[in-house]
Amino acid sequence: MRELTHVDERGVKMVEVGHKGDVPRRALAKGRIYLRPETIELIKAGKTKKGNVIAAAQIAAILAVKKTPELIPLCHPIPLTGVDVTFEFGDDYIEAACEVRATYKTGVEMEALTGVSVALLTIWDMVKAVEKDERGQYPVTRIEDIRVVEKVKGAELSQKG
């Protein structure tokens, strides 16, 4: 059985990674926001009152990736080399993908998960006026399936290119 790395007999700690070498790393996370089909069409047409939903979500995700160690207390600050945030549209959902790259001593999956989460929350915030029902509730809107799709490091990364 694996042991927890952030807790020992003295309490909570940040894991020591100083002895590890820098290794190229990449993580890809995805998640979905479900919306009314008419909201999806408004976003695609660029007709939302708050502006370009996708551009705002991309910027928010990149900022969130950079701020991950400020949000998640035991994450190491990582010198990022790249972040890509993309979106795919379905009839009643938008799937966000966040790929984070770095060459460092520890992985970037928490950064990718944070980026996806904030991208989806930003979309929700920008369209909440048209998603609410007459009682101010969100009967359709939901965020689901946030997960790490792939985590790659070292030689595996150079082979996948």
Protein backbone atom coordinates (compact mmCIF):
# COMPACT_ATOMS: atom_id res chain seq x y z
CA MET A 1 0.00 0.00 0.00
CA ARG A 2 1.28 3.46 -0.87
CA GLU A 3 1.84 5.99 1.86
CA LEU A 4 0.73 9.60 1.93
CA THR A 5 3.64 11.87 1.04
CA HIS A 6 2.33 15.13 2.50
CA VAL A 7 1.74 13.86 6.04
CA ASP A 8 4.12 12.33 8.57
CA GLU A 9 4.28 11.90 12.34
CA ARG A 10 4.98 15.65 12.73
CA GLY A 11 1.99 16.75 10.63
CA VAL A 12 1.57 18.24 7.17
CA LYS A 13 4.61 18.98 5.01
CA MET A 14 5.60 19.96 1.51
CA VAL A 15 7.35 17.01 -0.13
CA GLU A 16 11.11 17.42 -0.63
CA VAL A 17 11.98 17.29 -4.34
CA GLY A 18 15.44 18.90 -4.20
CA HIS A 19 17.21 15.58 -4.76
CA LYS A 20 15.31 14.89 -7.98
CA GLY A 21 16.56 15.92 -11.40
CA ASP A 22 14.68 18.16 -13.81
CA VAL A 23 12.66 16.09 -16.28
CA PRO A 24 10.39 17.23 -19.14
CA ARG A 25 6.78 16.75 -18.08
CA ARG A 26 3.35 17.23 -19.60
CA ALA A 27 -0.15 16.78 -18.24
CA LEU A 28 -3.47 17.00 -20.06
CA ALA A 29 -6.70 17.49 -18.13
CA LYS A 30 -10.24 17.74 -19.46
CA GLY A 31 -13.71 18.54 -18.16
CA ARG A 32 -17.15 19.49 -19.41
CA ILE A 33 -19.76 22.12 -18.73
CA TYR A 34 -23.31 21.29 -19.75
CA LEU A 35 -25.43 24.21 -20.94
CA ARG A 36 -28.70 24.85 -22.73
CA PRO A 37 -28.25 24.30 -26.51
CA GLU A 38 -29.29 27.92 -27.12
CA THR A 39 -26.49 29.09 -24.82
CA ILE A 40 -23.98 27.01 -26.80
CA GLU A 41 -25.19 28.73 -29.98
CA LEU A 42 -24.83 32.19 -28.39
CA ILE A 43 -21.23 31.38 -27.43
CA LYS A 44 -20.41 30.04 -30.91
CA ALA A 45 -21.93 33.14 -32.55
CA GLY A 46 -20.09 35.49 -30.19
CA LYS A 47 -23.37 37.03 -29.02
CA THR A 48 -23.04 36.86 -25.25
CA LYS A 49 -23.40 40.14 -23.39
CA LYS A 50 -20.20 39.71 -21.37
CA GLY A 51 -17.97 39.28 -24.44
CA ASN A 52 -15.91 36.48 -25.95
CA VAL A 53 -16.54 33.56 -23.60
CA ILE A 54 -13.87 31.27 -25.04
CA ALA A 55 -11.09 33.89 -25.02
CA ALA A 56 -11.94 34.86 -21.44
CA ALA A 57 -11.95 31.20 -20.37
CA GLN A 58 -8.56 30.62 -22.02
CA ILE A 59 -7.01 33.62 -20.28
CA ALA A 60 -8.57 32.64 -16.93
CA ALA A 61 -7.28 29.08 -17.28
CA ILE A 62 -3.73 30.19 -18.05
CA LEU A 63 -3.76 32.56 -15.07
CA ALA A 64 -5.11 29.78 -12.84
CA VAL A 65 -2.37 27.40 -13.97
CA LYS A 66 0.23 30.01 -13.01
CA LYS A 67 -1.44 30.54 -9.61
CA THR A 68 -1.88 26.86 -8.70
CA PRO A 69 0.68 26.86 -5.85
CA GLU A 70 -1.15 29.83 -4.31
CA LEU A 71 -4.46 27.95 -4.43
CA ILE A 72 -3.36 24.44 -3.46
CA PRO A 73 -1.19 24.80 -0.36
CA LEU A 74 1.25 21.91 -0.84
CA CYS A 75 1.93 22.34 -4.57
CA HIS A 76 5.43 23.37 -5.54
CA PRO A 77 5.89 26.49 -7.68
CA ILE A 78 6.89 25.09 -11.05
CA PRO A 79 8.70 26.93 -13.86
CA LEU A 80 6.15 26.36 -16.63
CA THR A 81 7.26 26.18 -20.24
CA GLY A 82 3.84 26.17 -21.89
CA VAL A 83 0.08 26.07 -21.44
CA ASP A 84 -2.54 25.37 -24.10
CA VAL A 85 -6.27 25.62 -23.46
CA THR A 86 -8.69 24.36 -26.11
CA PHE A 87 -12.42 23.72 -26.38
CA GLU A 88 -14.68 21.31 -28.23
CA PHE A 89 -18.39 21.97 -28.63
CA GLY A 90 -21.17 19.42 -28.37
CA ASP A 91 -24.87 20.14 -28.73
CA ASP A 92 -25.32 20.68 -24.99
CA TYR A 93 -21.78 20.91 -23.62
CA ILE A 94 -18.37 22.46 -24.01
CA GLU A 95 -15.35 20.30 -23.23
CA ALA A 96 -12.28 22.18 -22.04
CA ALA A 97 -8.78 20.73 -22.32
CA CYS A 98 -5.74 22.17 -20.58
CA GLU A 99 -2.24 20.94 -21.42
CA VAL A 100 0.60 22.10 -19.18
CA ARG A 101 4.30 21.59 -19.85
CA ALA A 102 7.39 22.07 -17.71
CA THR A 103 10.87 20.71 -17.17
CA TYR A 104 11.14 20.27 -13.44
CA LYS A 105 11.39 17.90 -10.47
CA THR A 106 7.67 17.28 -10.04
CA GLY A 107 4.61 16.94 -12.26
CA VAL A 108 2.09 19.44 -13.59
CA GLU A 109 -1.19 17.54 -13.27
CA MET A 110 -2.54 19.80 -10.51
CA GLU A 111 -1.86 22.81 -12.74
CA ALA A 112 -3.74 21.19 -15.64
CA LEU A 113 -6.69 20.31 -13.39
CA THR A 114 -6.78 23.84 -11.98
CA GLY A 115 -6.71 25.32 -15.48
CA VAL A 116 -9.62 23.19 -16.67
CA SER A 117 -11.65 23.93 -13.54
CA VAL A 118 -11.24 27.69 -13.83
CA ALA A 119 -11.93 27.64 -17.58
CA LEU A 120 -15.26 25.91 -16.93
CA LEU A 121 -16.13 28.20 -14.02
CA THR A 122 -15.39 31.22 -16.21
CA ILE A 123 -17.74 29.94 -18.90
CA TRP A 124 -20.46 29.47 -16.26
CA ASP A 125 -19.92 32.97 -14.90
CA MET A 126 -20.13 34.56 -18.34
CA VAL A 127 -23.39 32.86 -19.34
CA LYS A 128 -25.20 32.54 -16.02
CA ALA A 129 -27.76 35.21 -16.96
CA VAL A 130 -29.08 33.06 -19.83
CA GLU A 131 -28.71 29.76 -17.98
CA LYS A 132 -30.92 30.68 -14.99
CA ASP A 133 -34.56 29.73 -14.97
CA GLU A 134 -37.40 32.01 -13.80
CA ARG A 135 -36.60 31.14 -10.16
CA GLY A 136 -32.89 31.99 -10.55
CA GLN A 137 -31.84 28.32 -10.51
CA TYR A 138 -29.60 26.37 -12.90
CA PRO A 139 -31.60 23.30 -13.94
CA VAL A 140 -29.28 22.38 -16.83
CA THR A 141 -25.92 23.91 -16.02
CA ARG A 142 -23.37 21.58 -14.46
CA ILE A 143 -19.66 20.87 -14.54
CA GLU A 144 -18.63 17.22 -14.77
CA ASP A 145 -15.89 14.76 -15.47
CA ILE A 146 -12.83 16.86 -14.61
CA ARG A 147 -9.92 14.45 -14.87
CA VAL A 148 -6.29 13.94 -15.86
CA VAL A 149 -6.40 12.36 -19.31
CA GLU A 150 -2.65 11.92 -19.66
CA LYS A 151 0.50 12.47 -17.65
CA VAL A 152 3.84 12.00 -19.42
CA LYS A 153 7.44 12.54 -18.32
CA GLY A 154 11.01 12.07 -19.44
CA ALA A 155 11.74 9.65 -22.27
CA GLU A 156 8.01 8.95 -22.73
CA LEU A 157 7.54 12.63 -23.59
CA SER A 158 10.23 12.73 -26.26
CA GLN A 159 8.76 9.59 -27.88
CA LYS A 160 5.28 11.14 -28.05
CA GLY A 161 6.78 14.41 -29.22
